[in-house]
Amino acid sequence: MIRSASRIARSSVVALFLISSWHGSAGAGPVPYDLPQDTAKLRPGPGAEVAEANCLTCHSPDYIAMQPPKKGYAFWTAEVTKMIKVYGAPIEESDAKAIADYLAASY
């Protein structure tokens, strides 16, 4: 009999927890918030507009700026190719060359 009462008490606690959890989340909804203003910008130079149009759709200028400096054209060509082939970035071949040229000259 003591075991039975203990089971009933435990079951009641579990049921109460589940009901209160469900009730507490029933009114939950999205919480609005404001994003901070962008502070980073791509460095100016020929091709910056093409890089901005293609690269900044997925990540911020900080991502580009934190890459190792002065790596050159081969490095940036490989990075742009990786974005296209591995991550599926929809970048035209002519834009890919312009982006690599810009990044190699500016970063």
PDB file of N, CA and C in Angstrom:
ATOM      1  N   MET A   1       0.820  -1.187   0.000  1.00  0.00           N
ATOM      2  CA  MET A   1       0.000   0.000   0.000  1.00  0.00           C
ATOM      3  C   MET A   1       0.870   1.259   0.000  1.00  0.00           C
ATOM      4  N   ILE A   2       1.977   1.257   0.729  1.00  0.00           N
ATOM      5  CA  ILE A   2       2.855   2.408   0.760  1.00  0.00           C
ATOM      6  C   ILE A   2       3.481   2.612  -0.613  1.00  0.00           C
ATOM      7  N   ARG A   3       3.868   1.507  -1.256  1.00  0.00           N
ATOM      8  CA  ARG A   3       4.414   1.617  -2.613  1.00  0.00           C
ATOM      9  C   ARG A   3       3.407   2.242  -3.558  1.00  0.00           C
ATOM     10  N   SER A   4       2.189   1.828  -3.474  1.00  0.00           N
ATOM     11  CA  SER A   4       1.133   2.326  -4.348  1.00  0.00           C
ATOM     12  C   SER A   4       0.924   3.830  -4.137  1.00  0.00           C
ATOM     13  N   ALA A   5       0.911   4.272  -2.921  1.00  0.00           N
ATOM     14  CA  ALA A   5       0.737   5.696  -2.620  1.00  0.00           C
ATOM     15  C   ALA A   5       1.931   6.492  -3.130  1.00  0.00           C
ATOM     16  N   SER A   6       3.110   5.922  -3.001  1.00  0.00           N
ATOM     17  CA  SER A   6       4.310   6.583  -3.492  1.00  0.00           C
ATOM     18  C   SER A   6       4.267   6.737  -5.010  1.00  0.00           C
ATOM     19  N   ARG A   7       3.813   5.710  -5.704  1.00  0.00           N
ATOM     20  CA  ARG A   7       3.688   5.779  -7.172  1.00  0.00           C
ATOM     21  C   ARG A   7       2.676   6.829  -7.586  1.00  0.00           C
ATOM     22  N   ILE A   8       1.568   6.859  -6.875  1.00  0.00           N
ATOM     23  CA  ILE A   8       0.526   7.841  -7.194  1.00  0.00           C
ATOM     24  C   ILE A   8       1.057   9.254  -6.980  1.00  0.00           C
ATOM     25  N   ALA A   9       1.768   9.461  -5.895  1.00  0.00           N
ATOM     26  CA  ALA A   9       2.337  10.785  -5.618  1.00  0.00           C
ATOM     27  C   ALA A   9       3.339  11.170  -6.695  1.00  0.00           C
ATOM     28  N   ARG A  10       4.206  10.216  -7.071  1.00  0.00           N
ATOM     29  CA  ARG A  10       5.199  10.492  -8.118  1.00  0.00           C
ATOM     30  C   ARG A  10       4.505  10.786  -9.450  1.00  0.00           C
ATOM     31  N   SER A  11       3.497  10.006  -9.789  1.00  0.00           N
ATOM     32  CA  SER A  11       2.752  10.231 -11.031  1.00  0.00           C
ATOM     33  C   SER A  11       2.062  11.583 -11.027  1.00  0.00           C
ATOM     34  N   SER A  12       1.550  11.965  -9.872  1.00  0.00           N
ATOM     35  CA  SER A  12       0.882  13.261  -9.765  1.00  0.00           C
ATOM     36  C   SER A  12       1.862  14.408  -9.961  1.00  0.00           C
ATOM     37  N   VAL A  13       3.065  14.275  -9.411  1.00  0.00           N
ATOM     38  CA  VAL A  13       4.083  15.309  -9.565  1.00  0.00           C
ATOM     39  C   VAL A  13       4.485  15.422 -11.032  1.00  0.00           C
ATOM     40  N   VAL A  14       4.689  14.294 -11.700  1.00  0.00           N
ATOM     41  CA  VAL A  14       5.057  14.301 -13.111  1.00  0.00           C
ATOM     42  C   VAL A  14       3.944  14.933 -13.943  1.00  0.00           C
ATOM     43  N   ALA A  15       2.703  14.542 -13.679  1.00  0.00           N
ATOM     44  CA  ALA A  15       1.576  15.101 -14.426  1.00  0.00           C
ATOM     45  C   ALA A  15       1.462  16.605 -14.202  1.00  0.00           C
ATOM     46  N   LEU A  16       1.633  17.033 -12.977  1.00  0.00           N
ATOM     47  CA  LEU A  16       1.565  18.466 -12.672  1.00  0.00           C
ATOM     48  C   LEU A  16       2.666  19.230 -13.396  1.00  0.00           C
ATOM     49  N   PHE A  17       3.873  18.659 -13.433  1.00  0.00           N
ATOM     50  CA  PHE A  17       4.990  19.287 -14.142  1.00  0.00           C
ATOM     51  C   PHE A  17       4.686  19.403 -15.634  1.00  0.00           C
ATOM     52  N   LEU A  18       4.186  18.333 -16.229  1.00  0.00           N
ATOM     53  CA  LEU A  18       3.882  18.360 -17.662  1.00  0.00           C
ATOM     54  C   LEU A  18       2.790  19.372 -17.993  1.00  0.00           C
ATOM     55  N   ILE A  19       1.789  19.434 -17.164  1.00  0.00           N
ATOM     56  CA  ILE A  19       0.697  20.383 -17.398  1.00  0.00           C
ATOM     57  C   ILE A  19       1.205  21.820 -17.256  1.00  0.00           C
ATOM     58  N   SER A  20       2.000  22.072 -16.208  1.00  0.00           N
ATOM     59  CA  SER A  20       2.491  23.440 -16.023  1.00  0.00           C
ATOM     60  C   SER A  20       3.469  23.821 -17.123  1.00  0.00           C
ATOM     61  N   SER A  21       4.263  22.878 -17.605  1.00  0.00           N
ATOM     62  CA  SER A  21       5.188  23.160 -18.715  1.00  0.00           C
ATOM     63  C   SER A  21       4.407  23.489 -19.972  1.00  0.00           C
ATOM     64  N   TRP A  22       3.376  22.723 -20.254  1.00  0.00           N
ATOM     65  CA  TRP A  22       2.569  22.967 -21.446  1.00  0.00           C
ATOM     66  C   TRP A  22       1.844  24.300 -21.333  1.00  0.00           C
ATOM     67  N   HIS A  23       1.295  24.571 -20.187  1.00  0.00           N
ATOM     68  CA  HIS A  23       0.552  25.810 -19.997  1.00  0.00           C
ATOM     69  C   HIS A  23       1.467  27.021 -20.100  1.00  0.00           C
ATOM     70  N   GLY A  24       2.660  26.916 -19.566  1.00  0.00           N
ATOM     71  CA  GLY A  24       3.601  28.029 -19.615  1.00  0.00           C
ATOM     72  C   GLY A  24       4.082  28.333 -21.013  1.00  0.00           C
ATOM     73  N   SER A  25       4.159  27.323 -21.868  1.00  0.00           N
ATOM     74  CA  SER A  25       4.642  27.548 -23.225  1.00  0.00           C
ATOM     75  C   SER A  25       3.524  27.802 -24.215  1.00  0.00           C
ATOM     76  N   ALA A  26       2.283  27.617 -23.803  1.00  0.00           N
ATOM     77  CA  ALA A  26       1.165  27.797 -24.730  1.00  0.00           C
ATOM     78  C   ALA A  26       1.078  29.226 -25.237  1.00  0.00           C
ATOM     79  N   GLY A  27       1.440  30.188 -24.416  1.00  0.00           N
ATOM     80  CA  GLY A  27       1.371  31.580 -24.830  1.00  0.00           C
ATOM     81  C   GLY A  27       2.684  32.100 -25.392  1.00  0.00           C
ATOM     82  N   ALA A  28       3.662  31.216 -25.525  1.00  0.00           N
ATOM     83  CA  ALA A  28       4.969  31.656 -26.012  1.00  0.00           C
ATOM     84  C   ALA A  28       4.872  32.034 -27.482  1.00  0.00           C
ATOM     85  N   GLY A  29       5.582  33.057 -27.847  1.00  0.00           N
ATOM     86  CA  GLY A  29       5.611  33.510 -29.227  1.00  0.00           C
ATOM     87  C   GLY A  29       6.961  34.102 -29.536  1.00  0.00           C
ATOM     88  N   PRO A  30       7.125  34.570 -30.741  1.00  0.00           N
ATOM     89  CA  PRO A  30       8.415  35.175 -31.097  1.00  0.00           C
ATOM     90  C   PRO A  30       8.666  36.444 -30.280  1.00  0.00           C
ATOM     91  N   VAL A  31       9.907  36.641 -29.950  1.00  0.00           N
ATOM     92  CA  VAL A  31      10.308  37.824 -29.197  1.00  0.00           C
ATOM     93  C   VAL A  31      10.976  38.787 -30.164  1.00  0.00           C
ATOM     94  N   PRO A  32      10.417  39.957 -30.374  1.00  0.00           N
ATOM     95  CA  PRO A  32      11.038  40.908 -31.308  1.00  0.00           C
ATOM     96  C   PRO A  32      12.302  41.519 -30.707  1.00  0.00           C
ATOM     97  N   TYR A  33      13.252  41.798 -31.556  1.00  0.00           N
ATOM     98  CA  TYR A  33      14.482  42.448 -31.122  1.00  0.00           C
ATOM     99  C   TYR A  33      15.064  43.221 -32.286  1.00  0.00           C
ATOM    100  N   ASP A  34      15.895  44.196 -31.968  1.00  0.00           N
ATOM    101  CA  ASP A  34      16.539  45.025 -32.982  1.00  0.00           C
ATOM    102  C   ASP A  34      17.975  44.561 -33.165  1.00  0.00           C
ATOM    103  N   LEU A  35      18.386  44.408 -34.408  1.00  0.00           N
ATOM    104  CA  LEU A  35      19.770  44.065 -34.698  1.00  0.00           C
ATOM    105  C   LEU A  35      20.627  45.323 -34.634  1.00  0.00           C
ATOM    106  N   PRO A  36      21.874  45.183 -34.227  1.00  0.00           N
ATOM    107  CA  PRO A  36      22.747  46.363 -34.216  1.00  0.00           C
ATOM    108  C   PRO A  36      23.055  46.813 -35.639  1.00  0.00           C
ATOM    109  N   GLN A  37      23.391  48.062 -35.792  1.00  0.00           N
ATOM    110  CA  GLN A  37      23.760  48.594 -37.096  1.00  0.00           C
ATOM    111  C   GLN A  37      25.074  47.970 -37.558  1.00  0.00           C
ATOM    112  N   ASP A  38      25.185  47.732 -38.863  1.00  0.00           N
ATOM    113  CA  ASP A  38      26.442  47.253 -39.411  1.00  0.00           C
ATOM    114  C   ASP A  38      27.495  48.338 -39.269  1.00  0.00           C
ATOM    115  N   THR A  39      28.675  47.952 -38.822  1.00  0.00           N
ATOM    116  CA  THR A  39      29.752  48.922 -38.689  1.00  0.00           C
ATOM    117  C   THR A  39      30.882  48.630 -39.662  1.00  0.00           C
ATOM    118  N   ALA A  40      31.035  47.377 -40.066  1.00  0.00           N
ATOM    119  CA  ALA A  40      32.122  47.004 -40.981  1.00  0.00           C
ATOM    120  C   ALA A  40      31.681  47.210 -42.424  1.00  0.00           C
ATOM    121  N   LYS A  41      32.595  47.608 -43.229  1.00  0.00           N
ATOM    122  CA  LYS A  41      32.344  47.782 -44.662  1.00  0.00           C
ATOM    123  C   LYS A  41      33.522  47.195 -45.416  1.00  0.00           C
ATOM    124  N   LEU A  42      33.272  46.784 -46.651  1.00  0.00           N
ATOM    125  CA  LEU A  42      34.374  46.333 -47.500  1.00  0.00           C
ATOM    126  C   LEU A  42      35.256  47.522 -47.841  1.00  0.00           C
ATOM    127  N   ARG A  43      36.517  47.256 -48.007  1.00  0.00           N
ATOM    128  CA  ARG A  43      37.442  48.326 -48.396  1.00  0.00           C
ATOM    129  C   ARG A  43      37.104  48.791 -49.805  1.00  0.00           C
ATOM    130  N   PRO A  44      37.243  50.062 -50.085  1.00  0.00           N
ATOM    131  CA  PRO A  44      36.940  50.561 -51.430  1.00  0.00           C
ATOM    132  C   PRO A  44      37.961  50.044 -52.442  1.00  0.00           C
ATOM    133  N   GLY A  45      37.517  49.919 -53.667  1.00  0.00           N
ATOM    134  CA  GLY A  45      38.415  49.503 -54.739  1.00  0.00           C
ATOM    135  C   GLY A  45      37.633  48.913 -55.891  1.00  0.00           C
ATOM    136  N   PRO A  46      38.291  48.742 -57.033  1.00  0.00           N
ATOM    137  CA  PRO A  46      37.622  48.147 -58.187  1.00  0.00           C
ATOM    138  C   PRO A  46      37.142  46.735 -57.860  1.00  0.00           C
ATOM    139  N   GLY A  47      35.871  46.504 -58.050  1.00  0.00           N
ATOM    140  CA  GLY A  47      35.290  45.196 -57.772  1.00  0.00           C
ATOM    141  C   GLY A  47      34.589  45.100 -56.431  1.00  0.00           C
ATOM    142  N   ALA A  48      34.660  46.149 -55.629  1.00  0.00           N
ATOM    143  CA  ALA A  48      34.017  46.110 -54.309  1.00  0.00           C
ATOM    144  C   ALA A  48      32.514  45.890 -54.420  1.00  0.00           C
ATOM    145  N   GLU A  49      31.898  46.481 -55.445  1.00  0.00           N
ATOM    146  CA  GLU A  49      30.443  46.342 -55.617  1.00  0.00           C
ATOM    147  C   GLU A  49      30.074  44.894 -55.934  1.00  0.00           C
ATOM    148  N   VAL A  50      30.893  44.231 -56.751  1.00  0.00           N
ATOM    149  CA  VAL A  50      30.627  42.826 -57.110  1.00  0.00           C
ATOM    150  C   VAL A  50      30.796  41.951 -55.869  1.00  0.00           C
ATOM    151  N   ALA A  51      31.847  42.196 -55.096  1.00  0.00           N
ATOM    152  CA  ALA A  51      32.061  41.431 -53.865  1.00  0.00           C
ATOM    153  C   ALA A  51      30.925  41.668 -52.878  1.00  0.00           C
ATOM    154  N   GLU A  52      30.519  42.913 -52.758  1.00  0.00           N
ATOM    155  CA  GLU A  52      29.419  43.226 -51.846  1.00  0.00           C
ATOM    156  C   GLU A  52      28.142  42.506 -52.265  1.00  0.00           C
ATOM    157  N   ALA A  53      27.824  42.535 -53.538  1.00  0.00           N
ATOM    158  CA  ALA A  53      26.594  41.909 -54.032  1.00  0.00           C
ATOM    159  C   ALA A  53      26.606  40.396 -53.857  1.00  0.00           C
ATOM    160  N   ASN A  54      27.777  39.779 -53.972  1.00  0.00           N
ATOM    161  CA  ASN A  54      27.850  38.324 -53.898  1.00  0.00           C
ATOM    162  C   ASN A  54      28.237  37.789 -52.527  1.00  0.00           C
ATOM    163  N   CYS A  55      29.186  38.400 -51.887  1.00  0.00           N
ATOM    164  CA  CYS A  55      29.737  37.853 -50.640  1.00  0.00           C
ATOM    165  C   CYS A  55      28.891  38.199 -49.420  1.00  0.00           C
ATOM    166  N   LEU A  56      28.362  39.409 -49.392  1.00  0.00           N
ATOM    167  CA  LEU A  56      27.671  39.866 -48.191  1.00  0.00           C
ATOM    168  C   LEU A  56      26.257  39.318 -48.062  1.00  0.00           C
ATOM    169  N   THR A  57      25.818  38.514 -49.024  1.00  0.00           N
ATOM    170  CA  THR A  57      24.514  37.860 -48.872  1.00  0.00           C
ATOM    171  C   THR A  57      24.597  36.728 -47.857  1.00  0.00           C
ATOM    172  N   CYS A  58      25.813  36.206 -47.627  1.00  0.00           N
ATOM    173  CA  CYS A  58      25.982  35.091 -46.680  1.00  0.00           C
ATOM    174  C   CYS A  58      26.723  35.463 -45.409  1.00  0.00           C
ATOM    175  N   HIS A  59      27.640  36.404 -45.476  1.00  0.00           N
ATOM    176  CA  HIS A  59      28.402  36.760 -44.281  1.00  0.00           C
ATOM    177  C   HIS A  59      28.814  38.221 -44.306  1.00  0.00           C
ATOM    178  N   SER A  60      29.325  38.666 -43.179  1.00  0.00           N
ATOM    179  CA  SER A  60      29.646  40.073 -43.015  1.00  0.00           C
ATOM    180  C   SER A  60      31.034  40.402 -43.558  1.00  0.00           C
ATOM    181  N   PRO A  61      31.319  41.685 -43.747  1.00  0.00           N
ATOM    182  CA  PRO A  61      32.668  42.085 -44.162  1.00  0.00           C
ATOM    183  C   PRO A  61      33.732  41.660 -43.158  1.00  0.00           C
ATOM    184  N   ASP A  62      33.352  41.488 -41.903  1.00  0.00           N
ATOM    185  CA  ASP A  62      34.307  41.035 -40.891  1.00  0.00           C
ATOM    186  C   ASP A  62      34.896  39.675 -41.257  1.00  0.00           C
ATOM    187  N   TYR A  63      34.103  38.823 -41.877  1.00  0.00           N
ATOM    188  CA  TYR A  63      34.580  37.495 -42.265  1.00  0.00           C
ATOM    189  C   TYR A  63      35.734  37.619 -43.253  1.00  0.00           C
ATOM    190  N   ILE A  64      35.628  38.538 -44.172  1.00  0.00           N
ATOM    191  CA  ILE A  64      36.696  38.756 -45.157  1.00  0.00           C
ATOM    192  C   ILE A  64      37.900  39.399 -44.468  1.00  0.00           C
ATOM    193  N   ALA A  65      37.642  40.386 -43.647  1.00  0.00           N
ATOM    194  CA  ALA A  65      38.727  41.119 -43.000  1.00  0.00           C
ATOM    195  C   ALA A  65      39.536  40.256 -42.033  1.00  0.00           C
ATOM    196  N   MET A  66      38.934  39.196 -41.496  1.00  0.00           N
ATOM    197  CA  MET A  66      39.672  38.369 -40.537  1.00  0.00           C
ATOM    198  C   MET A  66      40.508  37.281 -41.202  1.00  0.00           C
ATOM    199  N   GLN A  67      40.484  37.198 -42.527  1.00  0.00           N
ATOM    200  CA  GLN A  67      41.339  36.241 -43.235  1.00  0.00           C
ATOM    201  C   GLN A  67      42.794  36.721 -43.171  1.00  0.00           C
ATOM    202  N   PRO A  68      43.733  35.807 -43.325  1.00  0.00           N
ATOM    203  CA  PRO A  68      45.145  36.229 -43.266  1.00  0.00           C
ATOM    204  C   PRO A  68      45.437  37.299 -44.317  1.00  0.00           C
ATOM    205  N   PRO A  69      46.141  38.355 -43.945  1.00  0.00           N
ATOM    206  CA  PRO A  69      46.395  39.452 -44.889  1.00  0.00           C
ATOM    207  C   PRO A  69      47.423  39.086 -45.954  1.00  0.00           C
ATOM    208  N   LYS A  70      47.305  39.778 -47.091  1.00  0.00           N
ATOM    209  CA  LYS A  70      48.297  39.697 -48.181  1.00  0.00           C
ATOM    210  C   LYS A  70      48.540  38.268 -48.670  1.00  0.00           C
ATOM    211  N   LYS A  71      47.469  37.482 -48.780  1.00  0.00           N
ATOM    212  CA  LYS A  71      47.632  36.097 -49.230  1.00  0.00           C
ATOM    213  C   LYS A  71      47.710  35.980 -50.753  1.00  0.00           C
ATOM    214  N   GLY A  72      47.247  36.982 -51.461  1.00  0.00           N
ATOM    215  CA  GLY A  72      47.408  36.987 -52.907  1.00  0.00           C
ATOM    216  C   GLY A  72      46.261  36.364 -53.690  1.00  0.00           C
ATOM    217  N   TYR A  73      46.438  36.424 -55.000  1.00  0.00           N
ATOM    218  CA  TYR A  73      45.382  36.015 -55.927  1.00  0.00           C
ATOM    219  C   TYR A  73      45.038  34.531 -55.811  1.00  0.00           C
ATOM    220  N   ALA A  74      46.031  33.657 -55.709  1.00  0.00           N
ATOM    221  CA  ALA A  74      45.767  32.206 -55.643  1.00  0.00           C
ATOM    222  C   ALA A  74      44.921  31.861 -54.416  1.00  0.00           C
ATOM    223  N   PHE A  75      45.233  32.474 -53.285  1.00  0.00           N
ATOM    224  CA  PHE A  75      44.469  32.233 -52.062  1.00  0.00           C
ATOM    225  C   PHE A  75      43.013  32.647 -52.240  1.00  0.00           C
ATOM    226  N   TRP A  76      42.809  33.868 -52.745  1.00  0.00           N
ATOM    227  CA  TRP A  76      41.448  34.377 -52.876  1.00  0.00           C
ATOM    228  C   TRP A  76      40.680  33.657 -53.965  1.00  0.00           C
ATOM    229  N   THR A  77      41.354  33.220 -55.027  1.00  0.00           N
ATOM    230  CA  THR A  77      40.676  32.418 -56.051  1.00  0.00           C
ATOM    231  C   THR A  77      40.201  31.104 -55.434  1.00  0.00           C
ATOM    232  N   ALA A  78      41.048  30.484 -54.628  1.00  0.00           N
ATOM    233  CA  ALA A  78      40.663  29.234 -53.963  1.00  0.00           C
ATOM    234  C   ALA A  78      39.491  29.452 -53.010  1.00  0.00           C
ATOM    235  N   GLU A  79      39.500  30.565 -52.292  1.00  0.00           N
ATOM    236  CA  GLU A  79      38.403  30.863 -51.364  1.00  0.00           C
ATOM    237  C   GLU A  79      37.085  31.065 -52.108  1.00  0.00           C
ATOM    238  N   VAL A  80      37.125  31.828 -53.189  1.00  0.00           N
ATOM    239  CA  VAL A  80      35.908  32.071 -53.971  1.00  0.00           C
ATOM    240  C   VAL A  80      35.425  30.760 -54.600  1.00  0.00           C
ATOM    241  N   THR A  81      36.347  29.963 -55.115  1.00  0.00           N
ATOM    242  CA  THR A  81      35.975  28.658 -55.693  1.00  0.00           C
ATOM    243  C   THR A  81      35.347  27.771 -54.629  1.00  0.00           C
ATOM    244  N   LYS A  82      35.895  27.775 -53.427  1.00  0.00           N
ATOM    245  CA  LYS A  82      35.314  26.988 -52.325  1.00  0.00           C
ATOM    246  C   LYS A  82      33.888  27.446 -52.027  1.00  0.00           C
ATOM    247  N   MET A  83      33.670  28.736 -52.016  1.00  0.00           N
ATOM    248  CA  MET A  83      32.331  29.246 -51.740  1.00  0.00           C
ATOM    249  C   MET A  83      31.331  28.759 -52.798  1.00  0.00           C
ATOM    250  N   ILE A  84      31.788  28.679 -54.039  1.00  0.00           N
ATOM    251  CA  ILE A  84      30.918  28.242 -55.124  1.00  0.00           C
ATOM    252  C   ILE A  84      30.700  26.733 -55.074  1.00  0.00           C
ATOM    253  N   LYS A  85      31.787  25.966 -55.037  1.00  0.00           N
ATOM    254  CA  LYS A  85      31.694  24.504 -55.173  1.00  0.00           C
ATOM    255  C   LYS A  85      31.267  23.799 -53.888  1.00  0.00           C
ATOM    256  N   VAL A  86      31.756  24.259 -52.752  1.00  0.00           N
ATOM    257  CA  VAL A  86      31.441  23.580 -51.495  1.00  0.00           C
ATOM    258  C   VAL A  86      30.149  24.103 -50.880  1.00  0.00           C
ATOM    259  N   TYR A  87      29.994  25.421 -50.861  1.00  0.00           N
ATOM    260  CA  TYR A  87      28.846  26.018 -50.188  1.00  0.00           C
ATOM    261  C   TYR A  87      27.707  26.418 -51.130  1.00  0.00           C
ATOM    262  N   GLY A  88      27.917  26.252 -52.428  1.00  0.00           N
ATOM    263  CA  GLY A  88      26.840  26.507 -53.381  1.00  0.00           C
ATOM    264  C   GLY A  88      26.537  27.968 -53.628  1.00  0.00           C
ATOM    265  N   ALA A  89      27.507  28.840 -53.438  1.00  0.00           N
ATOM    266  CA  ALA A  89      27.277  30.264 -53.697  1.00  0.00           C
ATOM    267  C   ALA A  89      26.981  30.468 -55.187  1.00  0.00           C
ATOM    268  N   PRO A  90      25.891  31.133 -55.504  1.00  0.00           N
ATOM    269  CA  PRO A  90      25.513  31.328 -56.910  1.00  0.00           C
ATOM    270  C   PRO A  90      26.260  32.502 -57.536  1.00  0.00           C
ATOM    271  N   ILE A  91      27.536  32.313 -57.796  1.00  0.00           N
ATOM    272  CA  ILE A  91      28.391  33.377 -58.329  1.00  0.00           C
ATOM    273  C   ILE A  91      28.776  33.020 -59.755  1.00  0.00           C
ATOM    274  N   GLU A  92      28.540  33.947 -60.666  1.00  0.00           N
ATOM    275  CA  GLU A  92      28.923  33.754 -62.066  1.00  0.00           C
ATOM    276  C   GLU A  92      30.443  33.724 -62.197  1.00  0.00           C
ATOM    277  N   GLU A  93      30.938  33.039 -63.226  1.00  0.00           N
ATOM    278  CA  GLU A  93      32.385  32.915 -63.429  1.00  0.00           C
ATOM    279  C   GLU A  93      33.066  34.279 -63.560  1.00  0.00           C
ATOM    280  N   SER A  94      32.441  35.186 -64.315  1.00  0.00           N
ATOM    281  CA  SER A  94      33.049  36.512 -64.481  1.00  0.00           C
ATOM    282  C   SER A  94      33.075  37.279 -63.163  1.00  0.00           C
ATOM    283  N   ASP A  95      32.023  37.108 -62.341  1.00  0.00           N
ATOM    284  CA  ASP A  95      31.999  37.750 -61.029  1.00  0.00           C
ATOM    285  C   ASP A  95      33.040  37.122 -60.100  1.00  0.00           C
ATOM    286  N   ALA A  96      33.231  35.812 -60.190  1.00  0.00           N
ATOM    287  CA  ALA A  96      34.212  35.125 -59.342  1.00  0.00           C
ATOM    288  C   ALA A  96      35.606  35.686 -59.592  1.00  0.00           C
ATOM    289  N   LYS A  97      35.943  35.902 -60.851  1.00  0.00           N
ATOM    290  CA  LYS A  97      37.263  36.465 -61.177  1.00  0.00           C
ATOM    291  C   LYS A  97      37.375  37.892 -60.635  1.00  0.00           C
ATOM    292  N   ALA A  98      36.330  38.695 -60.830  1.00  0.00           N
ATOM    293  CA  ALA A  98      36.349  40.081 -60.340  1.00  0.00           C
ATOM    294  C   ALA A  98      36.472  40.114 -58.814  1.00  0.00           C
ATOM    295  N   ILE A  99      35.795  39.191 -58.127  1.00  0.00           N
ATOM    296  CA  ILE A  99      35.863  39.137 -56.663  1.00  0.00           C
ATOM    297  C   ILE A  99      37.278  38.765 -56.219  1.00  0.00           C
ATOM    298  N   ALA A 100      37.866  37.741 -56.845  1.00  0.00           N
ATOM    299  CA  ALA A 100      39.219  37.323 -56.485  1.00  0.00           C
ATOM    300  C   ALA A 100      40.231  38.447 -56.760  1.00  0.00           C
ATOM    301  N   ASP A 101      40.052  39.141 -57.878  1.00  0.00           N
ATOM    302  CA  ASP A 101      40.927  40.277 -58.186  1.00  0.00           C
ATOM    303  C   ASP A 101      40.817  41.357 -57.102  1.00  0.00           C
ATOM    304  N   TYR A 102      39.582  41.689 -56.749  1.00  0.00           N
ATOM    305  CA  TYR A 102      39.349  42.715 -55.748  1.00  0.00           C
ATOM    306  C   TYR A 102      39.944  42.306 -54.383  1.00  0.00           C
ATOM    307  N   LEU A 103      39.665  41.084 -53.957  1.00  0.00           N
ATOM    308  CA  LEU A 103      40.136  40.633 -52.646  1.00  0.00           C
ATOM    309  C   LEU A 103      41.663  40.576 -52.602  1.00  0.00           C
ATOM    310  N   ALA A 104      42.274  40.106 -53.666  1.00  0.00           N
ATOM    311  CA  ALA A 104      43.737  40.030 -53.707  1.00  0.00           C
ATOM    312  C   ALA A 104      44.361  41.424 -53.639  1.00  0.00           C
ATOM    313  N   ALA A 105      43.740  42.389 -54.296  1.00  0.00           N
ATOM    314  CA  ALA A 105      44.277  43.754 -54.298  1.00  0.00           C
ATOM    315  C   ALA A 105      43.976  44.501 -53.000  1.00  0.00           C
ATOM    316  N   SER A 106      42.868  44.188 -52.374  1.00  0.00           N
ATOM    317  CA  SER A 106      42.401  44.976 -51.210  1.00  0.00           C
ATOM    318  C   SER A 106      42.677  44.348 -49.863  1.00  0.00           C
ATOM    319  N   TYR A 107      42.873  43.037 -49.834  1.00  0.00           N
ATOM    320  CA  TYR A 107      43.080  42.365 -48.560  1.00  0.00           C
ATOM    321  C   TYR A 107      44.355  41.553 -48.607  1.00  0.00           C
TER     322      TYR A 107
END
